[in-house]
Amino acid sequence: MCREHAPEAIKRLLDLLRSDDNRAVAFAIQTLLDRGFGKAIQPVDVGDGSPITLLHLIAARSIADQMQAMLAAGKTNGSANGSTEPPVIDLSSPALE
């Protein structure tokens, strides 16, 4: 339903772009550029001065999910032979590409 009304919404944004109201123009410009080219990457401040991007968070989530699955299945490197080696994580996951 939203996609059905998208052409009308874009026309309204273009009307705002041509408006005399500078705030409406700025809103239309920002919205159209964000939609057309995507929003800029937003770093997240974690308190120690290291910026973290959404990509870092997605990668961390993927790795955490893999580790949880391995632990649930009892599949760590040391589970069979008593080794204390950490589990092997597959970094070729599609979520990390």
PDB file of N, CA and C in Angstrom:
ATOM      1  N   MET A   1       0.824  -1.179   0.000  1.00  0.00           N
ATOM      2  CA  MET A   1       0.000   0.000   0.000  1.00  0.00           C
ATOM      3  C   MET A   1       0.884   1.265   0.000  1.00  0.00           C
ATOM      4  N   CYS A   2       1.956   1.232   0.771  1.00  0.00           N
ATOM      5  CA  CYS A   2       2.870   2.390   0.814  1.00  0.00           C
ATOM      6  C   CYS A   2       3.498   2.632  -0.546  1.00  0.00           C
ATOM      7  N   ARG A   3       3.921   1.571  -1.185  1.00  0.00           N
ATOM      8  CA  ARG A   3       4.545   1.724  -2.507  1.00  0.00           C
ATOM      9  C   ARG A   3       3.554   2.266  -3.528  1.00  0.00           C
ATOM     10  N   GLU A   4       2.313   1.927  -3.351  1.00  0.00           N
ATOM     11  CA  GLU A   4       1.281   2.415  -4.254  1.00  0.00           C
ATOM     12  C   GLU A   4       1.186   3.939  -4.200  1.00  0.00           C
ATOM     13  N   HIS A   5       1.417   4.511  -3.030  1.00  0.00           N
ATOM     14  CA  HIS A   5       1.309   5.961  -2.850  1.00  0.00           C
ATOM     15  C   HIS A   5       2.654   6.687  -2.971  1.00  0.00           C
ATOM     16  N   ALA A   6       3.717   5.951  -3.217  1.00  0.00           N
ATOM     17  CA  ALA A   6       5.051   6.550  -3.300  1.00  0.00           C
ATOM     18  C   ALA A   6       5.164   7.619  -4.388  1.00  0.00           C
ATOM     19  N   PRO A   7       4.627   7.405  -5.602  1.00  0.00           N
ATOM     20  CA  PRO A   7       4.747   8.457  -6.617  1.00  0.00           C
ATOM     21  C   PRO A   7       4.096   9.779  -6.171  1.00  0.00           C
ATOM     22  N   GLU A   8       2.964   9.685  -5.520  1.00  0.00           N
ATOM     23  CA  GLU A   8       2.301  10.890  -5.021  1.00  0.00           C
ATOM     24  C   GLU A   8       3.140  11.555  -3.926  1.00  0.00           C
ATOM     25  N   ALA A   9       3.737  10.748  -3.066  1.00  0.00           N
ATOM     26  CA  ALA A   9       4.574  11.288  -1.993  1.00  0.00           C
ATOM     27  C   ALA A   9       5.796  12.000  -2.567  1.00  0.00           C
ATOM     28  N   ILE A  10       6.403  11.443  -3.591  1.00  0.00           N
ATOM     29  CA  ILE A  10       7.557  12.076  -4.223  1.00  0.00           C
ATOM     30  C   ILE A  10       7.134  13.397  -4.876  1.00  0.00           C
ATOM     31  N   LYS A  11       5.980  13.404  -5.523  1.00  0.00           N
ATOM     32  CA  LYS A  11       5.483  14.652  -6.127  1.00  0.00           C
ATOM     33  C   LYS A  11       5.294  15.729  -5.066  1.00  0.00           C
ATOM     34  N   ARG A  12       4.771  15.342  -3.905  1.00  0.00           N
ATOM     35  CA  ARG A  12       4.580  16.309  -2.812  1.00  0.00           C
ATOM     36  C   ARG A  12       5.925  16.813  -2.307  1.00  0.00           C
ATOM     37  N   LEU A  13       6.918  15.932  -2.197  1.00  0.00           N
ATOM     38  CA  LEU A  13       8.249  16.369  -1.796  1.00  0.00           C
ATOM     39  C   LEU A  13       8.829  17.355  -2.806  1.00  0.00           C
ATOM     40  N   LEU A  14       8.585  17.103  -4.089  1.00  0.00           N
ATOM     41  CA  LEU A  14       9.065  18.023  -5.119  1.00  0.00           C
ATOM     42  C   LEU A  14       8.351  19.366  -5.022  1.00  0.00           C
ATOM     43  N   ASP A  15       7.058  19.351  -4.660  1.00  0.00           N
ATOM     44  CA  ASP A  15       6.332  20.606  -4.427  1.00  0.00           C
ATOM     45  C   ASP A  15       6.971  21.376  -3.279  1.00  0.00           C
ATOM     46  N   LEU A  16       7.313  20.645  -2.193  1.00  0.00           N
ATOM     47  CA  LEU A  16       7.968  21.291  -1.047  1.00  0.00           C
ATOM     48  C   LEU A  16       9.330  21.851  -1.450  1.00  0.00           C
ATOM     49  N   LEU A  17      10.030  21.143  -2.311  1.00  0.00           N
ATOM     50  CA  LEU A  17      11.346  21.577  -2.772  1.00  0.00           C
ATOM     51  C   LEU A  17      11.265  22.935  -3.470  1.00  0.00           C
ATOM     52  N   ARG A  18      10.160  23.180  -4.124  1.00  0.00           N
ATOM     53  CA  ARG A  18       9.970  24.434  -4.864  1.00  0.00           C
ATOM     54  C   ARG A  18       9.241  25.494  -4.037  1.00  0.00           C
ATOM     55  N   SER A  19       9.057  25.223  -2.765  1.00  0.00           N
ATOM     56  CA  SER A  19       8.326  26.118  -1.868  1.00  0.00           C
ATOM     57  C   SER A  19       9.153  27.354  -1.513  1.00  0.00           C
ATOM     58  N   ASP A  20       8.472  28.372  -1.004  1.00  0.00           N
ATOM     59  CA  ASP A  20       9.158  29.570  -0.499  1.00  0.00           C
ATOM     60  C   ASP A  20       9.559  29.398   0.962  1.00  0.00           C
ATOM     61  N   ASP A  21       9.076  28.345   1.608  1.00  0.00           N
ATOM     62  CA  ASP A  21       9.379  28.073   3.023  1.00  0.00           C
ATOM     63  C   ASP A  21      10.713  27.323   3.104  1.00  0.00           C
ATOM     64  N   ASN A  22      11.739  28.000   3.612  1.00  0.00           N
ATOM     65  CA  ASN A  22      13.078  27.403   3.665  1.00  0.00           C
ATOM     66  C   ASN A  22      13.128  26.126   4.488  1.00  0.00           C
ATOM     67  N   ARG A  23      12.328  26.041   5.544  1.00  0.00           N
ATOM     68  CA  ARG A  23      12.310  24.808   6.351  1.00  0.00           C
ATOM     69  C   ARG A  23      11.736  23.643   5.555  1.00  0.00           C
ATOM     70  N   ALA A  24      10.684  23.921   4.780  1.00  0.00           N
ATOM     71  CA  ALA A  24      10.095  22.875   3.941  1.00  0.00           C
ATOM     72  C   ALA A  24      11.080  22.445   2.860  1.00  0.00           C
ATOM     73  N   VAL A  25      11.794  23.409   2.291  1.00  0.00           N
ATOM     74  CA  VAL A  25      12.790  23.104   1.260  1.00  0.00           C
ATOM     75  C   VAL A  25      13.896  22.228   1.841  1.00  0.00           C
ATOM     76  N   ALA A  26      14.398  22.613   3.017  1.00  0.00           N
ATOM     77  CA  ALA A  26      15.464  21.828   3.655  1.00  0.00           C
ATOM     78  C   ALA A  26      14.993  20.404   3.945  1.00  0.00           C
ATOM     79  N   PHE A  27      13.774  20.254   4.444  1.00  0.00           N
ATOM     80  CA  PHE A  27      13.218  18.924   4.719  1.00  0.00           C
ATOM     81  C   PHE A  27      13.136  18.103   3.431  1.00  0.00           C
ATOM     82  N   ALA A  28      12.630  18.725   2.358  1.00  0.00           N
ATOM     83  CA  ALA A  28      12.480  18.009   1.088  1.00  0.00           C
ATOM     84  C   ALA A  28      13.841  17.595   0.535  1.00  0.00           C
ATOM     85  N   ILE A  29      14.807  18.510   0.606  1.00  0.00           N
ATOM     86  CA  ILE A  29      16.154  18.187   0.111  1.00  0.00           C
ATOM     87  C   ILE A  29      16.727  17.001   0.868  1.00  0.00           C
ATOM     88  N   GLN A  30      16.675  17.071   2.210  1.00  0.00           N
ATOM     89  CA  GLN A  30      17.236  15.992   3.026  1.00  0.00           C
ATOM     90  C   GLN A  30      16.543  14.664   2.743  1.00  0.00           C
ATOM     91  N   THR A  31      15.234  14.686   2.666  1.00  0.00           N
ATOM     92  CA  THR A  31      14.469  13.459   2.435  1.00  0.00           C
ATOM     93  C   THR A  31      14.779  12.864   1.066  1.00  0.00           C
ATOM     94  N   LEU A  32      14.799  13.714   0.045  1.00  0.00           N
ATOM     95  CA  LEU A  32      15.072  13.211  -1.300  1.00  0.00           C
ATOM     96  C   LEU A  32      16.500  12.672  -1.426  1.00  0.00           C
ATOM     97  N   LEU A  33      17.469  13.381  -0.848  1.00  0.00           N
ATOM     98  CA  LEU A  33      18.852  12.894  -0.915  1.00  0.00           C
ATOM     99  C   LEU A  33      19.030  11.595  -0.130  1.00  0.00           C
ATOM    100  N   ASP A  34      18.424  11.521   1.053  1.00  0.00           N
ATOM    101  CA  ASP A  34      18.517  10.285   1.846  1.00  0.00           C
ATOM    102  C   ASP A  34      17.904   9.117   1.094  1.00  0.00           C
ATOM    103  N   ARG A  35      16.780   9.351   0.454  1.00  0.00           N
ATOM    104  CA  ARG A  35      16.090   8.281  -0.269  1.00  0.00           C
ATOM    105  C   ARG A  35      16.835   7.896  -1.538  1.00  0.00           C
ATOM    106  N   GLY A  36      17.392   8.901  -2.222  1.00  0.00           N
ATOM    107  CA  GLY A  36      18.058   8.646  -3.492  1.00  0.00           C
ATOM    108  C   GLY A  36      19.461   8.081  -3.362  1.00  0.00           C
ATOM    109  N   PHE A  37      20.182   8.498  -2.312  1.00  0.00           N
ATOM    110  CA  PHE A  37      21.581   8.088  -2.176  1.00  0.00           C
ATOM    111  C   PHE A  37      21.871   7.334  -0.893  1.00  0.00           C
ATOM    112  N   GLY A  38      20.901   7.228  -0.005  1.00  0.00           N
ATOM    113  CA  GLY A  38      21.105   6.555   1.270  1.00  0.00           C
ATOM    114  C   GLY A  38      21.673   7.508   2.301  1.00  0.00           C
ATOM    115  N   LYS A  39      21.404   7.206   3.542  1.00  0.00           N
ATOM    116  CA  LYS A  39      21.904   8.041   4.627  1.00  0.00           C
ATOM    117  C   LYS A  39      23.375   7.756   4.872  1.00  0.00           C
ATOM    118  N   ALA A  40      24.062   8.755   5.365  1.00  0.00           N
ATOM    119  CA  ALA A  40      25.475   8.583   5.707  1.00  0.00           C
ATOM    120  C   ALA A  40      25.586   7.624   6.891  1.00  0.00           C
ATOM    121  N   ILE A  41      26.707   6.923   6.965  1.00  0.00           N
ATOM    122  CA  ILE A  41      26.960   6.016   8.082  1.00  0.00           C
ATOM    123  C   ILE A  41      27.011   6.831   9.370  1.00  0.00           C
ATOM    124  N   GLN A  42      26.303   6.361  10.378  1.00  0.00           N
ATOM    125  CA  GLN A  42      26.247   7.044  11.663  1.00  0.00           C
ATOM    126  C   GLN A  42      27.084   6.277  12.681  1.00  0.00           C
ATOM    127  N   PRO A  43      28.251   6.835  13.071  1.00  0.00           N
ATOM    128  CA  PRO A  43      29.028   6.145  14.108  1.00  0.00           C
ATOM    129  C   PRO A  43      28.329   6.235  15.462  1.00  0.00           C
ATOM    130  N   VAL A  44      28.559   5.228  16.291  1.00  0.00           N
ATOM    131  CA  VAL A  44      27.985   5.175  17.628  1.00  0.00           C
ATOM    132  C   VAL A  44      29.128   5.341  18.619  1.00  0.00           C
ATOM    133  N   ASP A  45      29.003   6.298  19.538  1.00  0.00           N
ATOM    134  CA  ASP A  45      30.039   6.521  20.542  1.00  0.00           C
ATOM    135  C   ASP A  45      29.837   5.519  21.674  1.00  0.00           C
ATOM    136  N   VAL A  46      30.840   4.695  21.929  1.00  0.00           N
ATOM    137  CA  VAL A  46      30.733   3.684  22.976  1.00  0.00           C
ATOM    138  C   VAL A  46      31.435   4.105  24.254  1.00  0.00           C
ATOM    139  N   GLY A  47      31.848   5.380  24.319  1.00  0.00           N
ATOM    140  CA  GLY A  47      32.408   5.901  25.552  1.00  0.00           C
ATOM    141  C   GLY A  47      33.916   5.894  25.639  1.00  0.00           C
ATOM    142  N   ASP A  48      34.583   5.083  24.818  1.00  0.00           N
ATOM    143  CA  ASP A  48      36.048   5.043  24.899  1.00  0.00           C
ATOM    144  C   ASP A  48      36.701   5.765  23.723  1.00  0.00           C
ATOM    145  N   GLY A  49      35.908   6.507  22.958  1.00  0.00           N
ATOM    146  CA  GLY A  49      36.443   7.256  21.830  1.00  0.00           C
ATOM    147  C   GLY A  49      36.502   6.471  20.536  1.00  0.00           C
ATOM    148  N   SER A  50      36.134   5.190  20.565  1.00  0.00           N
ATOM    149  CA  SER A  50      36.163   4.361  19.356  1.00  0.00           C
ATOM    150  C   SER A  50      34.797   4.412  18.668  1.00  0.00           C
ATOM    151  N   PRO A  51      34.731   4.948  17.441  1.00  0.00           N
ATOM    152  CA  PRO A  51      33.436   4.964  16.759  1.00  0.00           C
ATOM    153  C   PRO A  51      33.068   3.564  16.264  1.00  0.00           C
ATOM    154  N   ILE A  52      31.831   3.210  16.435  1.00  0.00           N
ATOM    155  CA  ILE A  52      31.326   1.923  15.957  1.00  0.00           C
ATOM    156  C   ILE A  52      30.218   2.225  14.963  1.00  0.00           C
ATOM    157  N   THR A  53      30.256   1.574  13.810  1.00  0.00           N
ATOM    158  CA  THR A  53      29.224   1.789  12.807  1.00  0.00           C
ATOM    159  C   THR A  53      28.218   0.636  12.870  1.00  0.00           C
ATOM    160  N   LEU A  54      27.133   0.810  12.154  1.00  0.00           N
ATOM    161  CA  LEU A  54      26.120  -0.232  12.096  1.00  0.00           C
ATOM    162  C   LEU A  54      26.712  -1.535  11.565  1.00  0.00           C
ATOM    163  N   LEU A  55      27.649  -1.437  10.630  1.00  0.00           N
ATOM    164  CA  LEU A  55      28.286  -2.644  10.091  1.00  0.00           C
ATOM    165  C   LEU A  55      28.998  -3.423  11.186  1.00  0.00           C
ATOM    166  N   HIS A  56      29.666  -2.724  12.101  1.00  0.00           N
ATOM    167  CA  HIS A  56      30.320  -3.397  13.227  1.00  0.00           C
ATOM    168  C   HIS A  56      29.284  -4.133  14.079  1.00  0.00           C
ATOM    169  N   LEU A  57      28.164  -3.470  14.322  1.00  0.00           N
ATOM    170  CA  LEU A  57      27.122  -4.087  15.149  1.00  0.00           C
ATOM    171  C   LEU A  57      26.514  -5.311  14.472  1.00  0.00           C
ATOM    172  N   ILE A  58      26.329  -5.237  13.152  1.00  0.00           N
ATOM    173  CA  ILE A  58      25.793  -6.387  12.408  1.00  0.00           C
ATOM    174  C   ILE A  58      26.778  -7.552  12.463  1.00  0.00           C
ATOM    175  N   ALA A  59      28.064  -7.258  12.270  1.00  0.00           N
ATOM    176  CA  ALA A  59      29.089  -8.307  12.316  1.00  0.00           C
ATOM    177  C   ALA A  59      29.146  -8.943  13.698  1.00  0.00           C
ATOM    178  N   ALA A  60      29.105  -8.110  14.733  1.00  0.00           N
ATOM    179  CA  ALA A  60      29.150  -8.635  16.100  1.00  0.00           C
ATOM    180  C   ALA A  60      27.936  -9.517  16.373  1.00  0.00           C
ATOM    181  N   ARG A  61      26.783  -9.115  15.886  1.00  0.00           N
ATOM    182  CA  ARG A  61      25.566  -9.912  16.092  1.00  0.00           C
ATOM    183  C   ARG A  61      25.664 -11.254  15.388  1.00  0.00           C
ATOM    184  N   SER A  62      26.199 -11.247  14.162  1.00  0.00           N
ATOM    185  CA  SER A  62      26.343 -12.488  13.407  1.00  0.00           C
ATOM    186  C   SER A  62      27.288 -13.455  14.119  1.00  0.00           C
ATOM    187  N   ILE A  63      28.395 -12.935  14.602  1.00  0.00           N
ATOM    188  CA  ILE A  63      29.365 -13.771  15.315  1.00  0.00           C
ATOM    189  C   ILE A  63      28.756 -14.302  16.615  1.00  0.00           C
ATOM    190  N   ALA A  64      28.031 -13.447  17.334  1.00  0.00           N
ATOM    191  CA  ALA A  64      27.384 -13.886  18.578  1.00  0.00           C
ATOM    192  C   ALA A  64      26.367 -14.988  18.297  1.00  0.00           C
ATOM    193  N   ASP A  65      25.605 -14.842  17.216  1.00  0.00           N
ATOM    194  CA  ASP A  65      24.620 -15.867  16.854  1.00  0.00           C
ATOM    195  C   ASP A  65      25.303 -17.193  16.545  1.00  0.00           C
ATOM    196  N   GLN A  66      26.435 -17.134  15.831  1.00  0.00           N
ATOM    197  CA  GLN A  66      27.182 -18.360  15.516  1.00  0.00           C
ATOM    198  C   GLN A  66      27.699 -19.021  16.787  1.00  0.00           C
ATOM    199  N   MET A  67      28.217 -18.206  17.693  1.00  0.00           N
ATOM    200  CA  MET A  67      28.751 -18.754  18.942  1.00  0.00           C
ATOM    201  C   MET A  67      27.649 -19.399  19.772  1.00  0.00           C
ATOM    202  N   GLN A  68      26.499 -18.744  19.840  1.00  0.00           N
ATOM    203  CA  GLN A  68      25.365 -19.313  20.582  1.00  0.00           C
ATOM    204  C   GLN A  68      24.955 -20.658  19.982  1.00  0.00           C
ATOM    205  N   ALA A  69      24.885 -20.714  18.655  1.00  0.00           N
ATOM    206  CA  ALA A  69      24.497 -21.958  17.989  1.00  0.00           C
ATOM    207  C   ALA A  69      25.520 -23.056  18.260  1.00  0.00           C
ATOM    208  N   MET A  70      26.803 -22.709  18.240  1.00  0.00           N
ATOM    209  CA  MET A  70      27.852 -23.699  18.499  1.00  0.00           C
ATOM    210  C   MET A  70      27.794 -24.197  19.935  1.00  0.00           C
ATOM    211  N   LEU A  71      27.570 -23.285  20.863  1.00  0.00           N
ATOM    212  CA  LEU A  71      27.478 -23.691  22.269  1.00  0.00           C
ATOM    213  C   LEU A  71      26.255 -24.577  22.509  1.00  0.00           C
ATOM    214  N   ALA A  72      25.148 -24.215  21.884  1.00  0.00           N
ATOM    215  CA  ALA A  72      23.922 -24.998  22.042  1.00  0.00           C
ATOM    216  C   ALA A  72      24.091 -26.407  21.472  1.00  0.00           C
ATOM    217  N   ALA A  73      24.880 -26.525  20.409  1.00  0.00           N
ATOM    218  CA  ALA A  73      25.101 -27.832  19.784  1.00  0.00           C
ATOM    219  C   ALA A  73      26.292 -28.562  20.382  1.00  0.00           C
ATOM    220  N   GLY A  74      27.004 -27.924  21.320  1.00  0.00           N
ATOM    221  CA  GLY A  74      28.179 -28.544  21.920  1.00  0.00           C
ATOM    222  C   GLY A  74      29.342 -28.644  20.971  1.00  0.00           C
ATOM    223  N   LYS A  75      29.390 -27.740  19.986  1.00  0.00           N
ATOM    224  CA  LYS A  75      30.431 -27.805  18.961  1.00  0.00           C
ATOM    225  C   LYS A  75      31.485 -26.740  19.176  1.00  0.00           C
ATOM    226  N   THR A  76      32.294 -26.882  20.183  1.00  0.00           N
ATOM    227  CA  THR A  76      33.478 -26.035  20.328  1.00  0.00           C
ATOM    228  C   THR A  76      34.682 -26.902  20.038  1.00  0.00           C
ATOM    229  N   ASN A  77      35.788 -26.278  19.700  1.00  0.00           N
ATOM    230  CA  ASN A  77      36.993 -27.056  19.364  1.00  0.00           C
ATOM    231  C   ASN A  77      37.399 -27.985  20.502  1.00  0.00           C
ATOM    232  N   GLY A  78      37.191 -27.553  21.725  1.00  0.00           N
ATOM    233  CA  GLY A  78      37.645 -28.352  22.848  1.00  0.00           C
ATOM    234  C   GLY A  78      36.625 -29.346  23.363  1.00  0.00           C
ATOM    235  N   SER A  79      35.454 -29.393  22.794  1.00  0.00           N
ATOM    236  CA  SER A  79      34.415 -30.244  23.352  1.00  0.00           C
ATOM    237  C   SER A  79      34.716 -31.734  23.199  1.00  0.00           C
ATOM    238  N   ALA A  80      35.468 -32.091  22.171  1.00  0.00           N
ATOM    239  CA  ALA A  80      35.706 -33.511  21.945  1.00  0.00           C
ATOM    240  C   ALA A  80      37.012 -34.000  22.561  1.00  0.00           C
ATOM    241  N   ASN A  81      38.036 -33.095  22.613  1.00  0.00           N
ATOM    242  CA  ASN A  81      39.339 -33.590  23.043  1.00  0.00           C
ATOM    243  C   ASN A  81      39.893 -32.898  24.286  1.00  0.00           C
ATOM    244  N   GLY A  82      39.092 -32.077  24.983  1.00  0.00           N
ATOM    245  CA  GLY A  82      39.541 -31.430  26.202  1.00  0.00           C
ATOM    246  C   GLY A  82      40.404 -30.203  25.965  1.00  0.00           C
ATOM    247  N   SER A  83      40.589 -29.806  24.723  1.00  0.00           N
ATOM    248  CA  SER A  83      41.384 -28.626  24.396  1.00  0.00           C
ATOM    249  C   SER A  83      40.685 -27.362  24.890  1.00  0.00           C
ATOM    250  N   THR A  84      41.475 -26.335  25.157  1.00  0.00           N
ATOM    251  CA  THR A  84      40.898 -25.056  25.583  1.00  0.00           C
ATOM    252  C   THR A  84      40.893 -24.044  24.446  1.00  0.00           C
ATOM    253  N   GLU A  85      41.077 -24.509  23.221  1.00  0.00           N
ATOM    254  CA  GLU A  85      41.047 -23.617  22.057  1.00  0.00           C
ATOM    255  C   GLU A  85      39.659 -22.989  21.925  1.00  0.00           C
ATOM    256  N   PRO A  86      39.600 -21.699  21.507  1.00  0.00           N
ATOM    257  CA  PRO A  86      38.295 -21.063  21.308  1.00  0.00           C
ATOM    258  C   PRO A  86      37.583 -21.657  20.099  1.00  0.00           C
ATOM    259  N   PRO A  87      36.274 -21.506  20.022  1.00  0.00           N
ATOM    260  CA  PRO A  87      35.545 -22.033  18.867  1.00  0.00           C
ATOM    261  C   PRO A  87      35.947 -21.311  17.591  1.00  0.00           C
ATOM    262  N   VAL A  88      35.838 -22.006  16.458  1.00  0.00           N
ATOM    263  CA  VAL A  88      36.147 -21.414  15.161  1.00  0.00           C
ATOM    264  C   VAL A  88      34.871 -20.746  14.647  1.00  0.00           C
ATOM    265  N   ILE A  89      34.986 -19.471  14.324  1.00  0.00           N
ATOM    266  CA  ILE A  89      33.846 -18.688  13.832  1.00  0.00           C
ATOM    267  C   ILE A  89      34.003 -18.498  12.330  1.00  0.00           C
ATOM    268  N   ASP A  90      32.933 -18.731  11.596  1.00  0.00           N
ATOM    269  CA  ASP A  90      32.934 -18.566  10.138  1.00  0.00           C
ATOM    270  C   ASP A  90      32.723 -17.095   9.799  1.00  0.00           C
ATOM    271  N   LEU A  91      33.784 -16.411   9.356  1.00  0.00           N
ATOM    272  CA  LEU A  91      33.686 -14.987   9.026  1.00  0.00           C
ATOM    273  C   LEU A  91      33.269 -14.771   7.586  1.00  0.00           C
ATOM    274  N   SER A  92      32.907 -15.808   6.868  1.00  0.00           N
ATOM    275  CA  SER A  92      32.445 -15.657   5.492  1.00  0.00           C
ATOM    276  C   SER A  92      30.930 -15.630   5.421  1.00  0.00           C
ATOM    277  N   SER A  93      30.285 -15.406   6.562  1.00  0.00           N
ATOM    278  CA  SER A  93      28.826 -15.349   6.612  1.00  0.00           C
ATOM    279  C   SER A  93      28.297 -14.269   5.694  1.00  0.00           C
ATOM    280  N   PRO A  94      27.176 -14.521   4.976  1.00  0.00           N
ATOM    281  CA  PRO A  94      26.600 -13.502   4.097  1.00  0.00           C
ATOM    282  C   PRO A  94      26.285 -12.203   4.840  1.00  0.00           C
ATOM    283  N   ALA A  95      25.982 -12.264   6.112  1.00  0.00           N
ATOM    284  CA  ALA A  95      25.673 -11.051   6.867  1.00  0.00           C
ATOM    285  C   ALA A  95      26.881 -10.150   6.997  1.00  0.00           C
ATOM    286  N   LEU A  96      28.086 -10.704   6.798  1.00  0.00           N
ATOM    287  CA  LEU A  96      29.305  -9.920   6.950  1.00  0.00           C
ATOM    288  C   LEU A  96      29.861  -9.432   5.624  1.00  0.00           C
ATOM    289  N   GLU A  97      29.217  -9.782   4.533  1.00  0.00           N
ATOM    290  CA  GLU A  97      29.725  -9.367   3.222  1.00  0.00           C
ATOM    291  C   GLU A  97      29.312  -7.964   2.891  1.00  0.00           C
TER     292      GLU A  97
END
